[in-house]
Structure formats: structure tokens, C-alpha cells
């Protein structure tokens, strides 16, 4: 059938099947020839019900013989017969079972072939997004094997799929059952097993997260981009929770460990592999088998470790330090960074081939200052949580809320959370916070051009005053203005000398 001569193949399979039937209907030979003959019949359009029955019989025998490889193949053949003959609507269910069995036993080819077929089924039922994800997943698996003919088939389908999708509206699915939408539709909350929720009212972020979780069940590697404190790890764990992978979620901060130690943590080591390795130890890649390995700050990973990680991704195997034999792993990676990886690739600090492996799907979490309405929502969320934790009711006055809402938050959600925590901790039970008891780090976020100019002018005046120990005459000279002009600007901008006894003249 690989050469396209279906008639010749059908004759050979029929002869093989009859020979195997004479030998015995409970043998491996009968099992394999049954589904192969059935598939040939199905693709030829002859005797569709008999073709499906042959494949079903082969799948039943594979279960009895506990042969996972032949079970995955028989189920795949059965599904293809169903799709070709349109005899019933169970093709998707059978394909998913084939994919699950293949994944469990490490049969990457059948799993990829099933994903490609499932992509076509998904598109036919109107789920374009899932179709793209499945097809991309299949192509990556075929490339890793490699399987040139199937790579070409996946490429052809992806091209056709792109054309079809371009002619219709892409329907974004709703959040799955693990994610709740508030009744008013204003806040999306993703409960992540005891850690703080991801909360947003920003429509762009909501759509981005919806798309991300829609793709989560695929085995695509994902890259989460965003400034420090935007919630990249929360998104990574949400991807894991929505993926139905049975293994653990394993977070690793690549920037917190020196290069050699990072390699030992990721890949493990044999006893005596290096000084101090007094016993063998599995690495975090092995520990994340059938789960999700979250590599935070992947841009800080040394090039040597990048090369080993790439091999683990491409071949699905890991070799401990000091060992020769590889160990098979079902590896799914979600990586995150605040750095520009493409600039690092150009500078020679990050491998281009690894970059392509990590970017099956890229999610960019915008900074808090660009997420409309999120500051107010997060203030209420953190305020309620810390008030409950410390068993005291605390309120925040409107003027303080306004100050927080217009702050730039260079540390994003993490910084806002810490600020609210400090406010609650420094307040008495029943108190309304009417003024900030401490300075906020980072400049306020201006809402207009005049505010931006005022903010810059205020910054320059404060810098000059502090440099001159609040001597207005010296500060005015440094600024190229008169003392009278400086005093007028200080009044307009609300700049007052500190209360700590600094000289003011």
C-alpha cells in the first residue's frame, strides 16, 4: 500500500490472512494479518462491514494476548476503515483509544498517525484550533522518528488546513471544566490546586488563556513569555492541569542553579559520576515522566545543558551523568522567560534548534499595567485573602485605591500582592487605609501626555533636591531655573521636603 498499488496489496493480504487462519485464529500472525487485510479492504471500499469486523477482531485478540503495539495498530486500522467507509460515527473514540495505548507503551509512530487522523476529524466537527494543534503535534513526532513520507503527509494537511481555516472564522472554545467563569463574565479564575488563582478582566488575556487551555491536551511544547511577576508559572500549571497528563508538575528555576548543578538536577547521575555523588539519583526530567516539566527562566540555561535537553526532547530519552544506557521518558515541556530568546539566538547564547522545539505554541502574558481593570480586581482579591488570613477586616480608601491603580507596577502581580500584604499587616482591625504608610517602588503610570510630562518633571526636581540636600537655590541652578520658578513647580507638583530634619532653604 505504501507504493500506491492497493489492488496488489489487497491480494497479498488476502492470501496471508487465509494462510494465518489455517494456522490458527489465536496466533500473532492471524492478529497482524487480520487488521492489515481489513485496512486494505477498507481503503479499497470493498466489504466495509467485514473490513471493520476484521480490525475489531484483531483488537480483541491483541487485548487477550496483552500486546499493546498490535492493539494500538489494530485500533488505528479500525478507525481508518470507519472513516473511509462512513459505516458509523465511532472513529474519533477508536482513534483516541489507539493514541492512548500508543502513548502508554511508547509507540510514537502510531500515536502520531492517530493524532494526524484526529486532526482531520476535529476539523470536520468544526474545531479548527484543535485540528491545528493535533496536526502540529503529529508532524513534530514524525520529524523526531524520522518518517519522511508521513512528514510530507502532515505538511500537506497543515497547508490545506491553513487554507481552510483562513476562509472561516476561528471559533475559540470555552474554558474546560477545571476553570470557572464568574456569573457576570467579568473575571476569569483558574483554580490551580491550592495556589493563588489567575484573575483577569482583560478581554485579550481571557482569549489568550482560553486558546492556551484549548491546546493544553496536545503534547506541544509551550513557551510562556512575560515580565517578572506576571504569573507565568500559574499559566504553566494551568496548562498541566488541563492536559490530563498523569505525572506530576515539576517546576525548575534554571536561573537559580549553576550550570553543572542544573545538569545534575535535570538529568540525574550515577554513583561516582563526580565528587560527592555517593549514590545514584534520578533527575527531574525522569521525575516528570508523563507529567509536565516547567523550565522557568529557560534563557539562563547554559549551552551545554541546552544541547542535552534538545536530545531529550527529540528522542524521548535521558541519560544520567556517568551512565551509558539511556532511559525512555514521556516528556512534555512548558518553558518560560522574560528574556528575548531570538536576540539570544542571534548572539549565540541560545540554540536555534532548541528554540524551535520549545515554541510549539507561544503565550505572551502582558504586564499588569497593560491589563485593563486588573489592578482593582487583584486589590480586592488579595485584600480579602490577607484579611481572612490575619483575621481582621481592613478597607482601602478611594484615594489610596486610585494611587495603586495608577502605579506602573514594575514587579507586576507579585509586587501588587506584596504591597497589599504589607498594607493589611501594618493596619489595625477595622481600619480604613487612607494614606500609603510606605513608598511604592517604581514610578506611577501616567494616563496622558500632560501626566507623563509632570511625572518626568517631578522626577528631575526630586533628584536635584536630593542631590543638593534639599537646598532649593542649588537645586534651581542644577535644573537651569530660578529659585522662584522651582518653588512654584514644587507647589504645583505637590513636592514637600521630608520630615527628617533635612536642610530646606
Protein backbone atom coordinates (compact mmCIF):
# COMPACT_ATOMS: atom_id res chain seq x y z
CA UNK A 1 0.00 0.00 0.00
CA UNK A 2 2.99 2.31 0.52
CA UNK A 3 3.65 2.34 -3.24
CA UNK A 4 0.03 3.07 -4.05
CA UNK A 5 -0.78 -0.33 -5.63
CA UNK A 6 -3.79 -1.10 -3.49
CA UNK A 7 -5.04 -3.97 -5.66
CA UNK A 8 -1.74 -5.87 -5.40
CA UNK A 9 -1.59 -5.23 -1.68
CA UNK A 10 -5.14 -6.46 -1.21
CA UNK A 11 -4.36 -9.75 -3.00
CA UNK A 12 -1.24 -10.35 -0.89
CA UNK A 13 -3.01 -9.53 2.39
CA UNK A 14 -5.92 -11.81 1.49
CA UNK A 15 -3.53 -14.68 0.78
CA UNK A 16 -1.61 -14.02 4.03
CA UNK A 17 -4.83 -13.78 6.03
CA UNK A 18 -6.14 -17.13 4.72
CA UNK A 19 -2.78 -18.77 5.46
CA UNK A 20 -2.77 -17.39 9.02
CA UNK A 21 -6.39 -18.51 9.50
CA UNK A 22 -5.39 -22.08 8.64
CA UNK A 23 -2.56 -21.99 11.19
CA UNK A 24 -4.82 -20.75 13.99
CA UNK A 25 -7.05 -17.81 14.91
CA UNK A 26 -5.30 -17.12 18.21
CA UNK A 27 -1.80 -16.56 16.84
CA UNK A 28 0.23 -13.37 16.43
CA UNK A 29 0.27 -13.95 12.67
CA UNK A 30 -3.52 -14.09 12.49
CA UNK A 31 -3.72 -10.94 14.63
CA UNK A 32 -1.45 -8.91 12.37
CA UNK A 33 -2.81 -10.14 9.03
CA UNK A 34 -6.40 -9.56 10.20
CA UNK A 35 -6.11 -5.81 10.70
CA UNK A 36 -3.80 -5.35 7.73
CA UNK A 37 -6.22 -7.20 5.45
CA UNK A 38 -9.11 -5.31 6.99
CA UNK A 39 -7.38 -1.96 6.37
CA UNK A 40 -6.68 -2.88 2.74
CA UNK A 41 -10.34 -3.82 2.27
CA UNK A 42 -11.48 -0.62 3.93
CA UNK A 43 -9.25 1.62 1.82
CA UNK A 44 -10.40 -0.16 -1.35
CA UNK A 45 -14.06 0.38 -0.45
CA UNK A 46 -14.83 -3.34 -0.60
CA UNK A 47 -16.89 -5.11 2.04
CA UNK A 48 -16.78 -2.21 4.55
CA UNK A 49 -18.56 -4.04 7.38
CA UNK A 50 -16.30 -7.07 7.03
CA UNK A 51 -13.22 -4.77 6.99
CA UNK A 52 -14.23 -3.13 10.26
CA UNK A 53 -15.10 -6.50 11.79
CA UNK A 54 -11.65 -7.88 10.93
CA UNK A 55 -9.97 -4.94 12.67
CA UNK A 56 -12.25 -5.26 15.71
CA UNK A 57 -11.44 -8.98 15.90
CA UNK A 58 -7.72 -8.17 15.76
CA UNK A 59 -8.08 -5.59 18.56
CA UNK A 60 -9.91 -8.12 20.74
CA UNK A 61 -7.18 -10.71 20.17
CA UNK A 62 -4.48 -8.11 20.95
CA UNK A 63 -6.15 -7.43 24.30
CA UNK A 64 -6.29 -11.16 25.05
CA UNK A 65 -2.59 -11.51 24.17
CA UNK A 66 -1.77 -8.32 26.10
CA UNK A 67 0.05 -6.97 23.02
CA UNK A 68 -0.05 -3.20 23.27
CA UNK A 69 1.74 -2.49 20.00
CA UNK A 70 -0.63 -4.60 17.93
CA UNK A 71 -3.64 -3.25 19.85
CA UNK A 72 -2.69 0.35 19.01
CA UNK A 73 -2.15 -0.60 15.35
CA UNK A 74 -5.39 -2.61 15.10
CA UNK A 75 -7.42 0.23 16.62
CA UNK A 76 -5.83 2.70 14.20
CA UNK A 77 -6.68 0.43 11.25
CA UNK A 78 -10.25 0.07 12.53
CA UNK A 79 -10.65 3.85 12.78
CA UNK A 80 -9.30 4.38 9.26
CA UNK A 81 -11.80 1.83 7.93
CA UNK A 82 -14.61 3.64 9.72
CA UNK A 83 -13.51 6.99 8.31
CA UNK A 84 -13.16 5.60 4.78
CA UNK A 85 -16.44 3.70 4.69
CA UNK A 86 -18.55 6.05 6.86
CA UNK A 87 -20.11 2.98 8.44
CA UNK A 88 -20.54 4.51 11.92
CA UNK A 89 -19.51 7.52 13.98
CA UNK A 90 -17.06 5.86 16.38
CA UNK A 91 -13.87 6.81 14.54
CA UNK A 92 -12.86 9.55 16.99
CA UNK A 93 -13.36 7.31 20.03
CA UNK A 94 -11.33 4.49 18.45
CA UNK A 95 -8.56 6.88 17.38
CA UNK A 96 -8.30 8.31 20.88
CA UNK A 97 -8.03 4.81 22.33
CA UNK A 98 -5.33 3.97 19.79
CA UNK A 99 -3.44 7.15 20.72
CA UNK A 100 -3.74 6.43 24.46
CA UNK A 101 -2.46 2.87 24.08
CA UNK A 102 0.41 4.00 21.82
CA UNK A 103 1.36 6.73 24.29
CA UNK A 104 1.33 4.29 27.20
CA UNK A 105 3.72 1.84 25.51
CA UNK A 106 5.92 4.43 23.81
CA UNK A 107 4.79 3.75 20.21
CA UNK A 108 5.44 7.24 18.87
CA UNK A 109 4.62 6.41 15.25
CA UNK A 110 1.09 5.11 15.88
CA UNK A 111 0.45 7.93 18.32
CA UNK A 112 1.50 10.49 15.68
CA UNK A 113 -0.55 8.79 12.96
CA UNK A 114 -3.60 8.77 15.25
CA UNK A 115 -3.06 12.47 16.05
CA UNK A 116 -2.98 13.30 12.33
CA UNK A 117 -6.23 11.40 11.75
CA UNK A 118 -7.81 13.01 14.82
CA UNK A 119 -6.84 16.42 13.42
CA UNK A 120 -8.99 15.76 10.35
CA UNK A 121 -11.87 14.54 12.49
CA UNK A 122 -11.63 17.63 14.70
CA UNK A 123 -11.76 19.93 11.70
CA UNK A 124 -14.80 18.17 10.27
CA UNK A 125 -16.70 18.72 13.52
CA UNK A 126 -15.76 22.42 13.43
CA UNK A 127 -12.89 22.59 15.94
CA UNK A 128 -10.20 24.29 13.84
CA UNK A 129 -7.98 25.14 16.78
CA UNK A 130 -7.74 21.55 17.99
CA UNK A 131 -7.17 20.40 14.42
CA UNK A 132 -4.14 22.67 14.07
CA UNK A 133 -2.76 21.55 17.43
CA UNK A 134 -3.14 17.85 16.63
CA UNK A 135 -1.59 18.18 13.18
CA UNK A 136 1.38 20.17 14.51
CA UNK A 137 1.87 17.59 17.26
CA UNK A 138 1.82 14.78 14.69
CA UNK A 139 4.35 16.50 12.44
CA UNK A 140 6.79 17.00 15.31
CA UNK A 141 6.54 13.34 16.26
CA UNK A 142 7.14 12.23 12.65
CA UNK A 143 10.15 14.57 12.42
CA UNK A 144 11.60 13.06 15.59
CA UNK A 145 11.31 9.46 14.33
CA UNK A 146 12.00 10.40 11.41
CA UNK A 147 9.28 9.29 8.97
CA UNK A 148 9.69 11.29 5.70
CA UNK A 149 6.52 10.11 3.95
CA UNK A 150 4.40 10.89 6.97
CA UNK A 151 6.13 14.24 7.49
CA UNK A 152 5.12 15.12 3.93
CA UNK A 153 1.53 13.99 4.61
CA UNK A 154 1.37 16.10 7.78
CA UNK A 155 2.81 19.10 5.90
CA UNK A 156 0.25 18.69 3.12
CA UNK A 157 -2.62 18.55 5.63
CA UNK A 158 -1.31 21.55 7.58
CA UNK A 159 -1.16 23.57 4.35
CA UNK A 160 -4.68 22.52 3.42
CA UNK A 161 -5.84 23.20 6.96
CA UNK A 162 -4.36 26.70 6.94
CA UNK A 163 -6.21 27.45 3.71
CA UNK A 164 -9.50 26.15 5.08
CA UNK A 165 -9.14 27.97 8.39
CA UNK A 166 -8.37 31.23 6.57
CA UNK A 167 -11.78 31.05 4.91
CA UNK A 168 -13.78 30.65 8.07
CA UNK A 169 -13.96 32.25 11.49
CA UNK A 170 -11.86 30.53 14.10
CA UNK A 171 -14.16 29.63 16.95
CA UNK A 172 -12.46 29.95 20.33
CA UNK A 173 -13.71 27.32 22.73
CA UNK A 174 -14.82 27.95 26.30
CA UNK A 175 -12.74 27.13 29.36
CA UNK A 176 -12.81 23.49 30.28
CA UNK A 177 -14.42 22.15 33.43
CA UNK A 178 -11.37 22.94 35.54
CA UNK A 179 -11.82 26.67 35.03
CA UNK A 180 -14.76 28.64 36.36
CA UNK A 181 -16.19 31.82 34.85
CA UNK A 182 -17.76 34.27 37.28
CA UNK A 183 -21.52 34.86 36.73
CA UNK A 184 -21.08 38.41 35.46
CA UNK A 185 -18.48 37.27 32.98
CA UNK A 186 -16.01 39.86 34.28
CA UNK A 187 -13.41 37.71 35.98
CA UNK A 188 -11.76 34.53 34.84
CA UNK A 189 -10.46 32.44 37.72
CA UNK A 190 -8.30 29.38 37.18
CA UNK A 191 -8.08 27.36 40.43
CA UNK A 192 -4.71 25.65 40.49
CA UNK A 193 -4.73 23.23 43.39
CA UNK A 194 -4.20 25.48 46.37
CA UNK A 195 -2.03 28.20 44.81
CA UNK A 196 -3.33 31.71 44.04
CA UNK A 197 -5.81 31.97 41.18
CA UNK A 198 -5.08 33.69 37.88
CA UNK A 199 -7.56 36.56 37.76
CA UNK A 200 -8.16 38.89 34.87
CA UNK A 201 -10.90 41.03 33.39
CA UNK A 202 -8.85 41.89 30.32
CA UNK A 203 -10.56 40.53 27.21
CA UNK A 204 -7.29 39.94 25.34
CA UNK A 205 -5.80 37.94 28.23
CA UNK A 206 -9.00 35.95 28.65
CA UNK A 207 -8.96 34.95 24.97
CA UNK A 208 -5.26 34.12 25.15
CA UNK A 209 -5.74 31.85 28.17
CA UNK A 210 -8.78 30.20 26.60
CA UNK A 211 -6.76 29.36 23.49
CA UNK A 212 -3.87 28.12 25.62
CA UNK A 213 -6.01 25.71 27.64
CA UNK A 214 -7.68 24.53 24.46
CA UNK A 215 -4.26 23.39 23.23
CA UNK A 216 -3.16 22.04 26.62
CA UNK A 217 -4.20 18.40 25.96
CA UNK A 218 -1.85 18.29 22.97
CA UNK A 219 1.77 17.26 23.58
CA UNK A 220 3.04 20.55 22.14
CA UNK A 221 5.90 22.20 23.96
CA UNK A 222 4.84 25.68 25.02
CA UNK A 223 6.79 28.87 25.73
CA UNK A 224 5.35 31.43 28.16
CA UNK A 225 6.78 34.94 27.80
CA UNK A 226 6.28 37.88 30.10
CA UNK A 227 7.88 40.22 32.60
CA UNK A 228 8.81 39.04 36.08
CA UNK A 229 5.75 38.62 38.28
CA UNK A 230 3.10 38.39 35.53
CA UNK A 231 2.01 34.87 36.51
CA UNK A 232 3.94 32.66 34.07
CA UNK A 233 4.13 29.73 36.49
CA UNK A 234 0.39 29.94 37.16
CA UNK A 235 -0.24 29.65 33.43
CA UNK A 236 2.19 26.73 33.15
CA UNK A 237 0.45 24.83 35.94
CA UNK A 238 -2.94 25.57 34.38
CA UNK A 239 -1.65 24.03 31.14
CA UNK A 240 -0.58 20.92 33.06
CA UNK A 241 -3.90 20.62 34.90
CA UNK A 242 -5.83 20.93 31.63
CA UNK A 243 -3.62 18.39 29.84
CA UNK A 244 -4.83 15.28 31.69
CA UNK A 245 -1.24 14.06 31.94
CA UNK A 246 -0.97 11.62 34.84
CA UNK A 247 2.52 12.55 36.02
CA UNK A 248 3.49 15.48 38.28
CA UNK A 249 4.01 19.17 37.53
CA UNK A 250 7.74 19.74 38.12
CA UNK A 251 8.94 23.38 38.27
CA UNK A 252 12.64 24.16 37.83
CA UNK A 253 14.18 27.66 38.01
CA UNK A 254 17.05 27.49 35.52
CA UNK A 255 18.46 30.81 36.74
CA UNK A 256 18.76 29.70 40.37
CA UNK A 257 21.29 26.89 39.79
CA UNK A 258 24.87 26.94 38.43
CA UNK A 259 25.36 25.10 35.13
CA UNK A 260 26.81 21.81 36.42
CA UNK A 261 24.33 21.61 39.28
CA UNK A 262 21.44 22.34 36.90
CA UNK A 263 22.52 19.44 34.66
CA UNK A 264 22.73 17.10 37.65
CA UNK A 265 19.27 18.20 38.83
CA UNK A 266 17.69 17.75 35.39
CA UNK A 267 19.42 14.59 34.18
CA UNK A 268 20.41 12.83 37.40
CA UNK A 269 23.67 10.98 37.95
CA UNK A 270 25.16 7.57 38.58
CA UNK A 271 27.06 6.76 41.73
CA UNK A 272 30.60 8.16 41.48
CA UNK A 273 29.79 10.34 38.47
CA UNK A 274 31.52 13.25 40.21
CA UNK A 275 32.95 14.13 43.59
CA UNK A 276 30.24 13.81 46.23
CA UNK A 277 27.94 11.60 44.12
CA UNK A 278 27.90 8.79 46.69
CA UNK A 279 24.67 7.24 45.35
CA UNK A 280 22.74 7.19 42.10
CA UNK A 281 19.95 9.71 41.67
CA UNK A 282 17.28 10.21 39.04
CA UNK A 283 16.89 13.69 37.57
CA UNK A 284 13.85 15.93 37.41
CA UNK A 285 13.28 15.02 33.76
CA UNK A 286 12.75 11.40 34.80
CA UNK A 287 10.60 12.52 37.71
CA UNK A 288 8.36 14.48 35.31
CA UNK A 289 7.70 11.33 33.20
CA UNK A 290 4.14 11.55 31.83
CA UNK A 291 3.78 14.88 33.60
CA UNK A 292 4.96 18.41 32.78
CA UNK A 293 8.46 19.82 33.26
CA UNK A 294 8.25 23.59 33.77
CA UNK A 295 11.57 25.27 32.97
CA UNK A 296 11.35 28.78 34.35
CA UNK A 297 13.89 31.33 33.05
CA UNK A 298 14.98 28.96 30.27
CA UNK A 299 17.09 31.80 28.86
CA UNK A 300 19.53 31.32 31.75
CA UNK A 301 20.24 27.69 30.85
CA UNK A 302 23.88 27.11 29.78
CA UNK A 303 24.52 25.98 26.19
CA UNK A 304 25.82 22.58 27.31
CA UNK A 305 22.60 21.84 29.18
CA UNK A 306 20.59 23.15 26.20
CA UNK A 307 22.21 20.54 23.95
CA UNK A 308 21.33 17.70 26.33
CA UNK A 309 17.78 19.00 26.76
CA UNK A 310 17.32 19.13 22.98
CA UNK A 311 18.32 15.46 22.67
CA UNK A 312 15.88 14.51 25.42
CA UNK A 313 13.09 16.32 23.57
CA UNK A 314 13.92 14.88 20.16
CA UNK A 315 14.48 11.26 21.17
CA UNK A 316 12.30 10.96 24.27
CA UNK A 317 15.20 9.64 26.31
CA UNK A 318 17.54 10.86 29.02
CA UNK A 319 20.99 9.68 30.03
CA UNK A 320 22.15 10.20 33.61
CA UNK A 321 25.61 11.65 34.20
CA UNK A 322 28.09 8.79 34.36
CA UNK A 323 25.82 6.27 32.60
CA UNK A 324 25.87 4.95 29.04
CA UNK A 325 22.38 3.50 28.69
CA UNK A 326 19.53 5.98 28.03
CA UNK A 327 16.19 5.86 29.82
CA UNK A 328 12.92 6.47 27.95
CA UNK A 329 10.75 9.36 29.15
CA UNK A 330 7.38 10.73 28.08
CA UNK A 331 8.47 14.36 28.23
CA UNK A 332 6.30 17.48 27.89
CA UNK A 333 7.94 20.84 28.49
CA UNK A 334 6.48 24.23 29.25
CA UNK A 335 9.23 26.86 29.37
CA UNK A 336 9.12 30.49 30.47
CA UNK A 337 11.37 33.52 30.30
CA UNK A 338 11.32 37.30 30.50
CA UNK A 339 14.21 37.49 28.02
CA UNK A 340 14.17 37.81 24.22
CA UNK A 341 15.27 34.36 23.09
CA UNK A 342 15.59 35.33 19.42
CA UNK A 343 18.08 38.05 20.36
CA UNK A 344 19.94 35.44 22.41
CA UNK A 345 19.95 33.12 19.39
CA UNK A 346 21.49 35.90 17.26
CA UNK A 347 24.13 36.48 19.95
CA UNK A 348 24.95 32.77 20.11
CA UNK A 349 23.65 32.39 23.67
CA UNK A 350 20.68 30.17 22.86
CA UNK A 351 20.35 27.28 20.41
CA UNK A 352 18.07 27.92 17.44
CA UNK A 353 17.07 24.25 17.19
CA UNK A 354 16.05 24.21 20.85
CA UNK A 355 14.11 27.45 20.35
CA UNK A 356 12.09 25.81 17.58
CA UNK A 357 11.47 22.76 19.80
CA UNK A 358 10.15 24.90 22.63
CA UNK A 359 7.86 27.09 20.53
CA UNK A 360 5.09 24.70 19.57
CA UNK A 361 2.84 27.44 20.93
CA UNK A 362 3.93 30.79 22.38
CA UNK A 363 1.96 32.65 25.06
CA UNK A 364 2.85 36.24 25.94
CA UNK A 365 1.39 37.44 29.24
CA UNK A 366 1.11 41.26 29.13
CA UNK A 367 2.38 43.29 32.12
CA UNK A 368 -0.13 44.36 34.74
CA UNK A 369 0.00 48.00 33.58
CA UNK A 370 -1.45 46.89 30.20
CA UNK A 371 -4.26 44.74 31.61
CA UNK A 372 -7.34 46.92 31.77
CA UNK A 373 -9.11 46.80 35.14
CA UNK A 374 -6.98 44.03 36.62
CA UNK A 375 -5.33 46.12 39.36
CA UNK A 376 -8.67 46.87 41.04
CA UNK A 377 -9.75 43.23 40.82
CA UNK A 378 -6.47 41.98 42.23
CA UNK A 379 -6.55 44.52 45.08
CA UNK A 380 -9.94 43.15 46.18
CA UNK A 381 -8.78 39.55 45.74
CA UNK A 382 -5.57 39.95 47.76
CA UNK A 383 -7.21 42.22 50.36
CA UNK A 384 -9.91 39.64 51.09
CA UNK A 385 -7.38 36.83 51.25
CA UNK A 386 -4.93 38.54 53.62
CA UNK A 387 -7.71 39.95 55.80
CA UNK A 388 -9.08 36.43 56.19
CA UNK A 389 -5.61 35.02 56.81
CA UNK A 390 -4.88 37.60 59.55
CA UNK A 391 -8.45 37.57 60.89
CA UNK A 392 -9.03 41.32 60.65
CA UNK A 393 -11.24 43.42 58.42
CA UNK A 394 -9.30 46.14 56.55
CA UNK A 395 -10.55 48.59 53.93
CA UNK A 396 -8.67 50.78 51.46
CA UNK A 397 -9.82 54.38 50.91
CA UNK A 398 -10.67 55.54 47.35
CA UNK A 399 -7.66 57.88 47.15
CA UNK A 400 -5.27 55.06 48.03
CA UNK A 401 -7.00 52.77 45.54
CA UNK A 402 -6.53 55.44 42.88
CA UNK A 403 -2.84 55.71 43.74
CA UNK A 404 -2.46 51.94 43.43
CA UNK A 405 -4.47 51.82 40.21
CA UNK A 406 -2.22 54.37 38.50
CA UNK A 407 1.06 52.86 39.65
CA UNK A 408 3.30 51.31 36.97
CA UNK A 409 3.90 48.04 38.92
CA UNK A 410 7.31 47.11 37.52
CA UNK A 411 7.09 43.90 39.59
CA UNK A 412 3.60 43.20 38.22
CA UNK A 413 1.14 40.98 40.13
CA UNK A 414 3.80 39.72 42.55
CA UNK A 415 4.64 43.29 43.59
CA UNK A 416 0.97 44.25 43.97
CA UNK A 417 0.36 41.17 46.12
CA UNK A 418 3.27 42.07 48.41
CA UNK A 419 2.07 45.68 48.72
CA UNK A 420 -1.46 44.63 49.73
CA UNK A 421 0.04 42.11 52.17
CA UNK A 422 2.08 44.88 53.81
CA UNK A 423 -0.94 47.20 53.96
CA UNK A 424 -3.01 44.58 55.77
CA UNK A 425 -0.14 43.62 58.08
CA UNK A 426 0.50 47.26 59.09
CA UNK A 427 -3.19 48.06 59.67
CA UNK A 428 -5.37 47.59 62.72
CA UNK A 429 -8.57 45.55 62.64
CA UNK A 430 -11.44 47.62 61.22
CA UNK A 431 -9.09 50.31 59.88
CA UNK A 432 -9.54 52.07 56.53
CA UNK A 433 -6.17 52.79 54.95
CA UNK A 434 -6.38 56.47 53.94
CA UNK A 435 -2.72 57.02 53.04
CA UNK A 436 0.17 54.83 51.97
CA UNK A 437 2.37 54.09 55.00
CA UNK A 438 5.38 53.39 52.75
CA UNK A 439 6.77 54.39 49.36
CA UNK A 440 5.86 52.34 46.30
CA UNK A 441 8.75 51.09 44.23
CA UNK A 442 8.64 52.24 40.61
CA UNK A 443 7.06 55.32 39.07
CA UNK A 444 3.35 55.91 38.76
CA UNK A 445 1.83 55.01 35.41
CA UNK A 446 0.70 58.24 33.68
CA UNK A 447 -2.65 58.25 31.95
CA UNK A 448 -2.00 61.06 29.47
CA UNK A 449 0.79 63.13 27.88
CA UNK A 450 0.47 66.01 30.43
CA UNK A 451 0.67 63.48 33.27
CA UNK A 452 3.71 61.86 31.67
CA UNK A 453 5.44 65.27 31.41
CA UNK A 454 4.54 66.08 35.02
CA UNK A 455 5.88 62.73 36.17
CA UNK A 456 9.22 63.30 34.42
CA UNK A 457 9.45 66.89 35.73
CA UNK A 458 8.71 65.67 39.25
CA UNK A 459 11.42 63.02 38.94
CA UNK A 460 14.05 65.56 37.81
CA UNK A 461 13.16 68.06 40.56
CA UNK A 462 13.27 65.43 43.30
CA UNK A 463 16.64 64.17 42.01
CA UNK A 464 18.09 67.71 42.07
CA UNK A 465 16.70 68.44 45.56
CA UNK A 466 18.02 65.19 46.99
CA UNK A 467 21.45 65.78 45.40
CA UNK A 468 21.61 69.27 46.98
CA UNK A 469 20.35 68.06 50.39
CA UNK A 470 17.10 69.95 49.67
CA UNK A 471 18.86 73.29 49.12
CA UNK A 472 16.41 74.95 46.72
CA UNK A 473 18.89 77.52 45.42
CA UNK A 474 21.47 74.86 44.49
CA UNK A 475 18.76 72.62 43.03
CA UNK A 476 17.45 75.51 40.90
CA UNK A 477 20.96 76.14 39.50
CA UNK A 478 21.33 72.42 38.70
CA UNK A 479 17.99 72.49 36.90
CA UNK A 480 18.74 75.70 34.99
CA UNK A 481 15.81 77.53 36.59
CA UNK A 482 15.30 80.33 39.13
CA UNK A 483 14.58 79.59 42.77
CA UNK A 484 11.12 81.21 42.39
CA UNK A 485 10.28 79.02 39.39
CA UNK A 486 11.42 75.92 41.30
CA UNK A 487 9.25 76.77 44.32
CA UNK A 488 6.25 77.32 42.04
CA UNK A 489 6.76 73.95 40.37
CA UNK A 490 7.17 72.22 43.75
CA UNK A 491 3.81 73.63 44.86
CA UNK A 492 2.09 72.64 41.62
CA UNK A 493 3.51 69.10 41.73
CA UNK A 494 2.93 68.68 45.47
CA UNK A 495 6.62 68.23 46.31
CA UNK A 496 7.30 68.77 50.00
CA UNK A 497 10.55 68.43 51.97
CA UNK A 498 10.96 65.32 54.12
CA UNK A 499 10.15 65.46 57.82
CA UNK A 500 13.50 64.01 58.85
CA UNK A 501 15.21 67.35 59.52
CA UNK A 502 16.91 67.80 56.17
CA UNK A 503 18.02 71.35 55.50
CA UNK A 504 15.49 73.30 53.44
CA UNK A 505 16.36 76.76 52.23
